[in-house]
Amino acid sequence: MPLSREMQRLRAEHAALVTLSRILLDMVRAPHPPPPAELAAARGRLRENLVRHLKCEDWILYPRLMATGDQELMRITRGFEIEMGDLSADFIAYDDKWTGERVAADWPAFGRETIALFDILAARVEREERELYPLAETLYASGAGIGTPVRDGSTISS
């Protein structure tokens, strides 16, 4: 997929993640948990979208940007990789920890942990939108072309 369409898709995914996060945050800010099925559905939608999005960035976008040779883009991309760590694994661990029974047993702690994790997620989305994505789009628009990544880190022309 050409980078311009890839970036449009990633930005749309960011918007969806923000919306899904707000839905879940509204739930956790309530004094009592919503019906378990409602909470599970909201968590499931967020989990599916977030894990897919992070894998696309980690396995496709970041390697593609690192392969450009553009020093500024490579520096910023590497900084995101280091700073953000493995947000996908952190989210899965959080999600596994908070079973339906545990959420019901300690709603306030679930809320605090959810808000803390979503603050990290929101910061990542904001910084990618402000710093990383515009650089990638500028490089693409300049005609430098960014190859399509292959899982081993090499690229093919797009």
C-alpha atoms as a PDB file:
ATOM      1  CA  MET A   1       0.000   0.000   0.000  1.00  0.00           C
ATOM      2  CA  PRO A   2       1.436   3.429  -0.895  1.00  0.00           C
ATOM      3  CA  LEU A   3       2.486   5.451   2.115  1.00  0.00           C
ATOM      4  CA  SER A   4      -0.107   8.179   1.504  1.00  0.00           C
ATOM      5  CA  ARG A   5      -2.973   5.674   1.850  1.00  0.00           C
ATOM      6  CA  GLU A   6      -1.198   3.961   4.734  1.00  0.00           C
ATOM      7  CA  MET A   7      -0.942   7.282   6.577  1.00  0.00           C
ATOM      8  CA  GLN A   8      -4.623   8.049   5.923  1.00  0.00           C
ATOM      9  CA  ARG A   9      -5.537   4.653   7.344  1.00  0.00           C
ATOM     10  CA  LEU A  10      -3.310   5.110  10.408  1.00  0.00           C
ATOM     11  CA  ARG A  11      -4.778   8.567  11.083  1.00  0.00           C
ATOM     12  CA  ALA A  12      -8.312   7.149  10.784  1.00  0.00           C
ATOM     13  CA  GLU A  13      -7.322   4.420  13.237  1.00  0.00           C
ATOM     14  CA  HIS A  14      -6.049   7.065  15.653  1.00  0.00           C
ATOM     15  CA  ALA A  15      -9.421   8.821  15.455  1.00  0.00           C
ATOM     16  CA  ALA A  16     -11.225   5.531  16.102  1.00  0.00           C
ATOM     17  CA  LEU A  17      -8.953   4.768  19.069  1.00  0.00           C
ATOM     18  CA  VAL A  18      -9.650   8.187  20.570  1.00  0.00           C
ATOM     19  CA  THR A  19     -13.395   7.616  20.224  1.00  0.00           C
ATOM     20  CA  LEU A  20     -13.238   4.100  21.697  1.00  0.00           C
ATOM     21  CA  SER A  21     -11.035   5.335  24.545  1.00  0.00           C
ATOM     22  CA  ARG A  22     -13.516   8.095  25.381  1.00  0.00           C
ATOM     23  CA  ILE A  23     -16.350   5.578  25.534  1.00  0.00           C
ATOM     24  CA  LEU A  24     -14.412   3.383  27.941  1.00  0.00           C
ATOM     25  CA  LEU A  25     -13.176   6.358  29.989  1.00  0.00           C
ATOM     26  CA  ASP A  26     -16.754   7.586  30.394  1.00  0.00           C
ATOM     27  CA  MET A  27     -17.604   4.150  31.757  1.00  0.00           C
ATOM     28  CA  VAL A  28     -14.703   3.973  34.234  1.00  0.00           C
ATOM     29  CA  ARG A  29     -15.359   7.453  35.562  1.00  0.00           C
ATOM     30  CA  ALA A  30     -18.819   6.361  36.710  1.00  0.00           C
ATOM     31  CA  PRO A  31     -19.124   5.443  40.404  1.00  0.00           C
ATOM     32  CA  HIS A  32     -20.337   1.929  39.570  1.00  0.00           C
ATOM     33  CA  PRO A  33     -19.500  -0.459  36.737  1.00  0.00           C
ATOM     34  CA  PRO A  34     -21.846  -0.695  33.756  1.00  0.00           C
ATOM     35  CA  PRO A  35     -23.452  -4.034  32.908  1.00  0.00           C
ATOM     36  CA  PRO A  36     -20.642  -6.582  32.359  1.00  0.00           C
ATOM     37  CA  ALA A  37     -21.596  -7.287  28.737  1.00  0.00           C
ATOM     38  CA  GLU A  38     -21.505  -3.572  27.896  1.00  0.00           C
ATOM     39  CA  LEU A  39     -18.075  -3.116  29.471  1.00  0.00           C
ATOM     40  CA  ALA A  40     -16.737  -6.278  27.828  1.00  0.00           C
ATOM     41  CA  ALA A  41     -17.946  -5.125  24.406  1.00  0.00           C
ATOM     42  CA  ALA A  42     -16.312  -1.698  24.778  1.00  0.00           C
ATOM     43  CA  ARG A  43     -13.063  -3.234  25.995  1.00  0.00           C
ATOM     44  CA  GLY A  44     -13.095  -5.783  23.177  1.00  0.00           C
ATOM     45  CA  ARG A  45     -13.558  -3.177  20.447  1.00  0.00           C
ATOM     46  CA  LEU A  46     -10.755  -1.070  21.876  1.00  0.00           C
ATOM     47  CA  ARG A  47      -8.440  -4.069  22.300  1.00  0.00           C
ATOM     48  CA  GLU A  48      -8.941  -5.285  18.720  1.00  0.00           C
ATOM     49  CA  ASN A  49      -8.378  -1.851  17.216  1.00  0.00           C
ATOM     50  CA  LEU A  50      -5.419  -0.951  19.408  1.00  0.00           C
ATOM     51  CA  VAL A  51      -3.496  -4.190  19.008  1.00  0.00           C
ATOM     52  CA  ARG A  52      -4.005  -4.184  15.216  1.00  0.00           C
ATOM     53  CA  HIS A  53      -2.952  -0.528  14.980  1.00  0.00           C
ATOM     54  CA  LEU A  54       0.173  -0.984  17.102  1.00  0.00           C
ATOM     55  CA  LYS A  55       1.232  -4.044  15.134  1.00  0.00           C
ATOM     56  CA  CYS A  56       0.846  -2.100  11.876  1.00  0.00           C
ATOM     57  CA  GLU A  57       3.034   0.652  13.225  1.00  0.00           C
ATOM     58  CA  ASP A  58       5.632  -1.624  14.801  1.00  0.00           C
ATOM     59  CA  TRP A  59       5.842  -4.150  11.973  1.00  0.00           C
ATOM     60  CA  ILE A  60       5.153  -1.992   8.904  1.00  0.00           C
ATOM     61  CA  LEU A  61       5.361   1.777   9.402  1.00  0.00           C
ATOM     62  CA  TYR A  62       8.368   2.045  11.708  1.00  0.00           C
ATOM     63  CA  PRO A  63      10.562  -0.331   9.666  1.00  0.00           C
ATOM     64  CA  ARG A  64       9.531   1.506   6.488  1.00  0.00           C
ATOM     65  CA  LEU A  65      10.481   4.856   8.016  1.00  0.00           C
ATOM     66  CA  MET A  66      13.764   3.506   9.385  1.00  0.00           C
ATOM     67  CA  ALA A  67      14.675   2.274   5.892  1.00  0.00           C
ATOM     68  CA  THR A  68      14.349   5.722   4.301  1.00  0.00           C
ATOM     69  CA  GLY A  69      17.838   6.923   5.129  1.00  0.00           C
ATOM     70  CA  ASP A  70      16.384  10.268   6.245  1.00  0.00           C
ATOM     71  CA  GLN A  71      18.332  10.932   9.453  1.00  0.00           C
ATOM     72  CA  GLU A  72      15.707  13.116  11.151  1.00  0.00           C
ATOM     73  CA  LEU A  73      12.909  10.670  10.400  1.00  0.00           C
ATOM     74  CA  MET A  74      15.024   7.736  11.553  1.00  0.00           C
ATOM     75  CA  ARG A  75      15.941   9.550  14.793  1.00  0.00           C
ATOM     76  CA  ILE A  76      12.334  10.379  15.595  1.00  0.00           C
ATOM     77  CA  THR A  77      11.116   6.905  14.648  1.00  0.00           C
ATOM     78  CA  ARG A  78      13.742   5.252  16.845  1.00  0.00           C
ATOM     79  CA  GLY A  79      12.837   7.606  19.668  1.00  0.00           C
ATOM     80  CA  PHE A  80       9.218   6.478  19.451  1.00  0.00           C
ATOM     81  CA  GLU A  81      10.269   2.846  19.478  1.00  0.00           C
ATOM     82  CA  ILE A  82      12.408   3.349  22.602  1.00  0.00           C
ATOM     83  CA  GLU A  83      10.132   5.763  24.462  1.00  0.00           C
ATOM     84  CA  MET A  84       6.906   3.947  23.899  1.00  0.00           C
ATOM     85  CA  GLY A  85       8.270   0.494  24.531  1.00  0.00           C
ATOM     86  CA  ASP A  86       5.903  -2.313  23.821  1.00  0.00           C
ATOM     87  CA  LEU A  87       2.570  -0.622  24.395  1.00  0.00           C
ATOM     88  CA  SER A  88       0.820  -3.553  22.772  1.00  0.00           C
ATOM     89  CA  ALA A  89       2.206  -6.013  25.323  1.00  0.00           C
ATOM     90  CA  ASP A  90       1.457  -3.566  28.163  1.00  0.00           C
ATOM     91  CA  PHE A  91      -2.132  -3.267  27.027  1.00  0.00           C
ATOM     92  CA  ILE A  92      -2.551  -7.034  26.686  1.00  0.00           C
ATOM     93  CA  ALA A  93      -1.137  -7.526  30.199  1.00  0.00           C
ATOM     94  CA  TYR A  94      -3.557  -4.889  31.541  1.00  0.00           C
ATOM     95  CA  ASP A  95      -6.453  -6.483  29.692  1.00  0.00           C
ATOM     96  CA  ASP A  96      -5.562  -9.979  30.906  1.00  0.00           C
ATOM     97  CA  LYS A  97      -5.185  -8.750  34.490  1.00  0.00           C
ATOM     98  CA  TRP A  98      -8.600  -7.122  34.605  1.00  0.00           C
ATOM     99  CA  THR A  99     -11.030  -9.996  34.219  1.00  0.00           C
ATOM    100  CA  GLY A 100     -14.732  -9.292  34.565  1.00  0.00           C
ATOM    101  CA  GLU A 101     -14.672 -10.652  38.108  1.00  0.00           C
ATOM    102  CA  ARG A 102     -11.695  -8.552  39.118  1.00  0.00           C
ATOM    103  CA  VAL A 103     -13.220  -5.404  37.631  1.00  0.00           C
ATOM    104  CA  ALA A 104     -16.414  -5.991  39.630  1.00  0.00           C
ATOM    105  CA  ALA A 105     -14.401  -6.641  42.789  1.00  0.00           C
ATOM    106  CA  ASP A 106     -12.243  -3.497  42.515  1.00  0.00           C
ATOM    107  CA  TRP A 107     -13.933  -0.985  40.235  1.00  0.00           C
ATOM    108  CA  PRO A 108     -11.996   2.058  41.566  1.00  0.00           C
ATOM    109  CA  ALA A 109      -8.596   0.424  40.957  1.00  0.00           C
ATOM    110  CA  PHE A 110      -9.656  -0.662  37.463  1.00  0.00           C
ATOM    111  CA  GLY A 111     -10.667   2.916  36.742  1.00  0.00           C
ATOM    112  CA  ARG A 112      -7.380   4.359  37.966  1.00  0.00           C
ATOM    113  CA  GLU A 113      -5.310   1.868  35.985  1.00  0.00           C
ATOM    114  CA  THR A 114      -7.421   2.378  32.866  1.00  0.00           C
ATOM    115  CA  ILE A 115      -7.064   6.158  33.054  1.00  0.00           C
ATOM    116  CA  ALA A 116      -3.277   5.870  33.544  1.00  0.00           C
ATOM    117  CA  LEU A 117      -2.886   3.523  30.576  1.00  0.00           C
ATOM    118  CA  PHE A 118      -5.088   5.673  28.365  1.00  0.00           C
ATOM    119  CA  ASP A 119      -3.047   8.760  29.278  1.00  0.00           C
ATOM    120  CA  ILE A 120      -0.004   6.953  27.839  1.00  0.00           C
ATOM    121  CA  LEU A 121      -1.951   5.951  24.749  1.00  0.00           C
ATOM    122  CA  ALA A 122      -3.259   9.499  24.226  1.00  0.00           C
ATOM    123  CA  ALA A 123       0.266  10.908  24.514  1.00  0.00           C
ATOM    124  CA  ARG A 124       1.528   8.459  21.918  1.00  0.00           C
ATOM    125  CA  VAL A 125      -1.269   9.273  19.476  1.00  0.00           C
ATOM    126  CA  GLU A 126      -0.763  13.012  19.937  1.00  0.00           C
ATOM    127  CA  ARG A 127       3.000  12.838  19.451  1.00  0.00           C
ATOM    128  CA  GLU A 128       2.760  10.597  16.396  1.00  0.00           C
ATOM    129  CA  GLU A 129       0.207  12.956  14.837  1.00  0.00           C
ATOM    130  CA  ARG A 130       2.318  16.016  15.678  1.00  0.00           C
ATOM    131  CA  GLU A 131       5.865  14.763  15.066  1.00  0.00           C
ATOM    132  CA  LEU A 132       6.145  11.462  13.226  1.00  0.00           C
ATOM    133  CA  TYR A 133       3.296  11.342  10.728  1.00  0.00           C
ATOM    134  CA  PRO A 134       3.914  14.814   9.234  1.00  0.00           C
ATOM    135  CA  LEU A 135       7.576  13.944   8.615  1.00  0.00           C
ATOM    136  CA  ALA A 136       6.615  10.686   6.936  1.00  0.00           C
ATOM    137  CA  GLU A 137       4.065  12.454   4.756  1.00  0.00           C
ATOM    138  CA  THR A 138       6.528  15.219   3.838  1.00  0.00           C
ATOM    139  CA  LEU A 139       9.112  12.668   2.810  1.00  0.00           C
ATOM    140  CA  TYR A 140       6.577  10.803   0.718  1.00  0.00           C
ATOM    141  CA  ALA A 141       5.318  14.014  -0.919  1.00  0.00           C
ATOM    142  CA  SER A 142       8.881  15.031  -1.763  1.00  0.00           C
ATOM    143  CA  GLY A 143       9.106  12.078  -4.101  1.00  0.00           C
ATOM    144  CA  ALA A 144      11.696  10.271  -2.013  1.00  0.00           C
ATOM    145  CA  GLY A 145       9.397   7.267  -2.005  1.00  0.00           C
ATOM    146  CA  ILE A 146       9.333   4.867   0.849  1.00  0.00           C
ATOM    147  CA  GLY A 147       9.478   1.223  -0.083  1.00  0.00           C
ATOM    148  CA  THR A 148       7.005  -1.367   1.087  1.00  0.00           C
ATOM    149  CA  PRO A 149       8.543  -3.195   4.020  1.00  0.00           C
ATOM    150  CA  VAL A 150       9.083  -6.882   4.082  1.00  0.00           C
ATOM    151  CA  ARG A 151       9.007  -8.632   7.477  1.00  0.00           C
ATOM    152  CA  ASP A 152      12.817  -9.084   7.455  1.00  0.00           C
ATOM    153  CA  GLY A 153      13.323  -5.304   7.382  1.00  0.00           C
ATOM    154  CA  SER A 154      14.228  -5.033   3.687  1.00  0.00           C
ATOM    155  CA  THR A 155      11.977  -3.106   1.310  1.00  0.00           C
ATOM    156  CA  ILE A 156      10.525  -3.413  -2.143  1.00  0.00           C
ATOM    157  CA  SER A 157       9.525  -0.431  -4.260  1.00  0.00           C
ATOM    158  CA  SER A 158       5.938   0.709  -3.974  1.00  0.00           C
END
